[in-house]
Amino acid sequence: MSNIIVFEGISCAGKSTMIQEVQNYYQNLGIECINLNELLSNKPFENIEFELKEILTNKDIIYDNFEMFLLFAIRLCEKVRMIKCLHFPENSMLLVDRFELSLLLKGIYIHKLDKTMVETIVNYIIKDCRPVGYIYLEIDYKNFIIREGDKRNSKVWNVIHERFLSETNGFTEIINSYKENNKILVLNTSETTKENALNKIVKFLNSLSL
């Protein structure tokens, strides 16, 4: 199976950017490095992603917290299905934007569901697709609102600020609980350049002896 490397973090932390940088770096070295997100829009997986987006943006339907959690769990199941079905080259590097840590965040800290239940569901989904390493990208609030600002208006900033605090604090607790048994690199993208971030990520990945 491929070596699964997960990039986690809140919106605007720079996950997509750094995944692309890492992929370009290793491909230039002739090393097989695959961006799972690039495959999400390809058949046979495009239908489920399209249908979920339609469901989540349907303003006529109100979901309770558990139903919302299940919708996000389906997305994780789809990523796992892709990993299992597409037969990536042995020992290739598979870069994934959001995986089980994001689902733990949604279930436990956003939708306030029972922690044991959420962890049991998440562990079952990924039981055959365990990542070999995690890269958690942090961002401070000042830079977050700069990157988020083009997409928002002033009326929603209170909600945005509450979401930022909730997700950041939730991720911090999850990362701390994962550190004991998993290889994790924590990077604050507000405090480093893209080049320095790439160098630190490459050093971390090389330490995994993939």
Protein backbone atom coordinates (compact mmCIF):
# COMPACT_ATOMS: atom_id res chain seq x y z
CA MET A 1 0.00 0.00 0.00
CA SER A 2 1.04 3.63 -0.48
CA ASN A 3 2.50 5.66 2.37
CA ILE A 4 -0.37 7.92 3.44
CA ILE A 5 0.70 11.40 4.53
CA VAL A 6 -2.12 13.53 5.93
CA PHE A 7 -2.23 17.33 5.93
CA GLU A 8 -4.59 18.66 8.58
CA GLY A 9 -5.59 22.15 9.71
CA ILE A 10 -8.42 24.62 9.55
CA SER A 11 -9.56 26.44 6.41
CA CYS A 12 -6.94 28.83 4.98
CA ALA A 13 -4.04 27.21 6.87
CA GLY A 14 -2.32 26.39 3.57
CA LYS A 15 -2.94 22.65 3.21
CA SER A 16 -3.60 22.64 -0.55
CA THR A 17 -0.65 24.93 -1.20
CA MET A 18 1.81 22.81 0.75
CA ILE A 19 0.51 19.55 -0.72
CA GLN A 20 1.22 20.95 -4.18
CA GLU A 21 4.68 22.14 -3.12
CA VAL A 22 5.55 18.73 -1.64
CA GLN A 23 4.24 16.89 -4.70
CA ASN A 24 6.26 19.07 -7.06
CA TYR A 25 9.41 18.63 -4.95
CA TYR A 26 9.32 14.83 -4.93
CA GLN A 27 8.18 14.48 -8.53
CA ASN A 28 11.16 16.59 -9.60
CA LEU A 29 13.32 14.00 -7.82
CA GLY A 30 11.60 11.20 -9.72
CA ILE A 31 9.77 9.93 -6.63
CA GLU A 32 6.16 8.79 -7.02
CA CYS A 33 4.08 11.35 -5.10
CA ILE A 34 0.30 11.48 -5.58
CA ASN A 35 -2.15 14.20 -4.58
CA LEU A 36 -5.40 12.46 -3.64
CA ASN A 37 -7.38 15.68 -4.04
CA GLU A 38 -6.56 15.80 -7.73
CA LEU A 39 -8.36 12.47 -8.10
CA LEU A 40 -11.54 13.43 -6.22
CA SER A 41 -13.14 14.97 -9.30
CA ASN A 42 -12.40 11.93 -11.48
CA LYS A 43 -14.72 9.02 -12.13
CA PRO A 44 -15.93 6.82 -10.50
CA PHE A 45 -15.75 9.05 -7.44
CA GLU A 46 -17.21 12.33 -8.73
CA ASN A 47 -20.85 11.40 -8.10
CA ILE A 48 -20.63 10.95 -4.34
CA GLU A 49 -18.69 14.19 -3.90
CA PHE A 50 -21.21 16.11 -6.04
CA GLU A 51 -24.18 14.59 -4.23
CA LEU A 52 -22.76 15.38 -0.80
CA LYS A 53 -22.15 19.00 -1.78
CA GLU A 54 -25.75 19.21 -3.00
CA ILE A 55 -27.01 17.79 0.30
CA LEU A 56 -24.87 20.02 2.49
CA THR A 57 -25.89 23.20 0.63
CA ASN A 58 -29.62 22.40 0.56
CA LYS A 59 -31.16 25.17 2.67
CA ASP A 60 -34.52 23.39 2.84
CA ILE A 61 -33.16 20.54 4.95
CA ILE A 62 -32.11 20.92 8.58
CA TYR A 63 -29.80 18.20 9.89
CA ASP A 64 -29.12 17.33 13.48
CA ASN A 65 -25.54 17.00 14.72
CA PHE A 66 -25.30 13.25 14.22
CA GLU A 67 -26.64 13.45 10.67
CA MET A 68 -24.06 16.13 9.84
CA PHE A 69 -21.31 13.97 11.32
CA LEU A 70 -22.44 11.01 9.18
CA LEU A 71 -22.29 13.12 6.02
CA PHE A 72 -18.66 13.99 6.75
CA ALA A 73 -17.98 10.35 7.68
CA ILE A 74 -19.18 9.37 4.19
CA ARG A 75 -16.56 11.69 2.71
CA LEU A 76 -13.85 9.96 4.73
CA CYS A 77 -15.18 6.56 3.63
CA GLU A 78 -14.90 7.71 0.03
CA LYS A 79 -11.26 8.71 0.47
CA VAL A 80 -10.52 5.31 2.02
CA ARG A 81 -12.33 3.60 -0.88
CA MET A 82 -10.21 5.52 -3.38
CA ILE A 83 -7.01 4.51 -1.61
CA LYS A 84 -8.03 0.85 -1.64
CA CYS A 85 -9.45 0.72 -5.17
CA LEU A 86 -7.00 2.70 -7.28
CA HIS A 87 -3.97 0.45 -6.63
CA PHE A 88 -1.32 3.10 -6.21
CA PRO A 89 2.28 1.97 -6.75
CA GLU A 90 3.86 0.19 -3.79
CA ASN A 91 5.73 2.57 -1.47
CA SER A 92 4.50 5.64 -3.34
CA MET A 93 3.71 8.74 -1.30
CA LEU A 94 0.01 9.59 -1.11
CA LEU A 95 -0.77 13.14 0.07
CA VAL A 96 -4.22 13.60 1.60
CA ASP A 97 -5.93 16.88 2.49
CA ARG A 98 -7.94 16.19 5.68
CA PHE A 99 -8.46 12.67 6.95
CA GLU A 100 -9.53 11.19 10.26
CA LEU A 101 -8.41 14.08 12.48
CA SER A 102 -10.85 16.40 10.72
CA LEU A 103 -13.66 13.92 11.26
CA LEU A 104 -12.77 13.66 14.96
CA LEU A 105 -12.89 17.46 15.08
CA LYS A 106 -16.32 17.56 13.45
CA GLY A 107 -17.79 14.87 15.66
CA ILE A 108 -16.36 15.72 19.07
CA TYR A 109 -15.70 19.47 19.04
CA ILE A 110 -18.08 20.90 16.43
CA HIS A 111 -21.15 18.68 16.73
CA LYS A 112 -20.55 17.77 20.39
CA LEU A 113 -21.16 14.04 19.99
CA ASP A 114 -20.04 11.29 22.36
CA LYS A 115 -16.23 11.03 22.15
CA THR A 116 -16.06 7.24 22.45
CA MET A 117 -18.70 6.75 19.76
CA VAL A 118 -16.98 9.13 17.34
CA GLU A 119 -13.56 7.55 17.89
CA THR A 120 -15.00 4.06 17.38
CA ILE A 121 -16.60 5.05 14.06
CA VAL A 122 -13.47 6.85 12.84
CA ASN A 123 -11.13 4.00 13.80
CA TYR A 124 -13.35 1.50 12.01
CA ILE A 125 -13.37 3.58 8.81
CA ILE A 126 -9.57 3.90 8.63
CA LYS A 127 -8.59 0.52 10.11
CA ASP A 128 -6.94 -0.62 6.85
CA CYS A 129 -5.65 2.81 5.83
CA ARG A 130 -3.54 4.12 8.68
CA PRO A 131 -1.43 7.17 7.81
CA VAL A 132 2.31 6.93 8.41
CA GLY A 133 2.61 10.62 9.26
CA TYR A 134 0.63 13.80 9.88
CA ILE A 135 1.46 17.40 9.05
CA TYR A 136 -0.68 19.81 11.04
CA LEU A 137 -0.67 23.37 9.70
CA GLU A 138 -1.56 26.11 12.17
CA ILE A 139 -2.46 29.70 11.34
CA ASP A 140 -2.92 32.69 13.64
CA TYR A 141 -6.15 34.67 13.57
CA LYS A 142 -4.64 37.76 11.92
CA ASN A 143 -3.46 35.82 8.89
CA PHE A 144 -6.64 33.74 8.90
CA ILE A 145 -8.88 36.79 8.45
CA ILE A 146 -6.58 38.16 5.74
CA ARG A 147 -6.86 34.92 3.73
CA GLU A 148 -10.56 34.48 4.52
CA GLY A 149 -11.47 38.13 3.98
CA ASP A 150 -12.00 38.01 0.23
CA LYS A 151 -14.76 35.43 0.69
CA ARG A 152 -16.66 36.98 3.59
CA ASN A 153 -18.60 40.09 4.59
CA SER A 154 -18.47 41.91 7.91
CA LYS A 155 -21.82 40.51 9.11
CA VAL A 156 -20.43 37.03 9.65
CA TRP A 157 -17.11 37.82 11.36
CA ASN A 158 -18.39 36.97 14.84
CA VAL A 159 -19.40 33.54 13.60
CA ILE A 160 -16.09 33.16 11.78
CA HIS A 161 -14.14 34.08 14.92
CA GLU A 162 -16.06 31.56 17.02
CA ARG A 163 -15.45 28.87 14.40
CA PHE A 164 -11.74 29.71 14.28
CA LEU A 165 -11.39 29.38 18.06
CA SER A 166 -13.47 26.21 18.24
CA GLU A 167 -11.61 24.43 15.44
CA THR A 168 -8.16 25.60 16.53
CA ASN A 169 -8.70 24.53 20.15
CA GLY A 170 -10.21 21.23 19.02
CA PHE A 171 -7.32 20.45 16.70
CA THR A 172 -4.83 21.29 19.47
CA GLU A 173 -6.42 18.74 21.81
CA ILE A 174 -6.58 16.09 19.08
CA ILE A 175 -2.95 16.63 18.03
CA ASN A 176 -1.78 16.42 21.65
CA SER A 177 -3.63 13.13 22.11
CA TYR A 178 -2.16 11.74 18.87
CA LYS A 179 1.47 12.69 19.52
CA GLU A 180 2.22 9.71 21.73
CA ASN A 181 1.54 7.06 19.10
CA ASN A 182 1.91 8.90 15.79
CA LYS A 183 4.50 10.84 13.82
CA ILE A 184 3.30 14.45 13.69
CA LEU A 185 4.86 17.66 12.41
CA VAL A 186 3.26 20.90 13.62
CA LEU A 187 3.92 24.00 11.50
CA ASN A 188 2.59 27.52 11.93
CA THR A 189 2.24 28.86 8.40
CA SER A 190 1.90 32.40 9.77
CA GLU A 191 5.44 32.30 11.12
CA THR A 192 7.38 30.82 8.21
CA THR A 193 7.84 31.23 4.48
CA LYS A 194 6.59 28.69 1.97
CA GLU A 195 10.18 27.66 1.23
CA ASN A 196 11.03 27.13 4.90
CA ALA A 197 7.80 25.21 5.45
CA LEU A 198 8.64 22.93 2.52
CA ASN A 199 12.14 22.29 3.89
CA LYS A 200 10.74 21.33 7.30
CA ILE A 201 8.13 19.04 5.74
CA VAL A 202 10.72 17.31 3.54
CA LYS A 203 13.00 16.80 6.55
CA PHE A 204 10.08 15.33 8.48
CA LEU A 205 9.07 12.99 5.63
CA ASN A 206 12.65 11.83 5.16
CA SER A 207 12.78 10.97 8.88
CA LEU A 208 9.88 8.56 8.39
CA SER A 209 12.11 6.28 6.25
CA LEU A 210 9.37 5.75 3.67
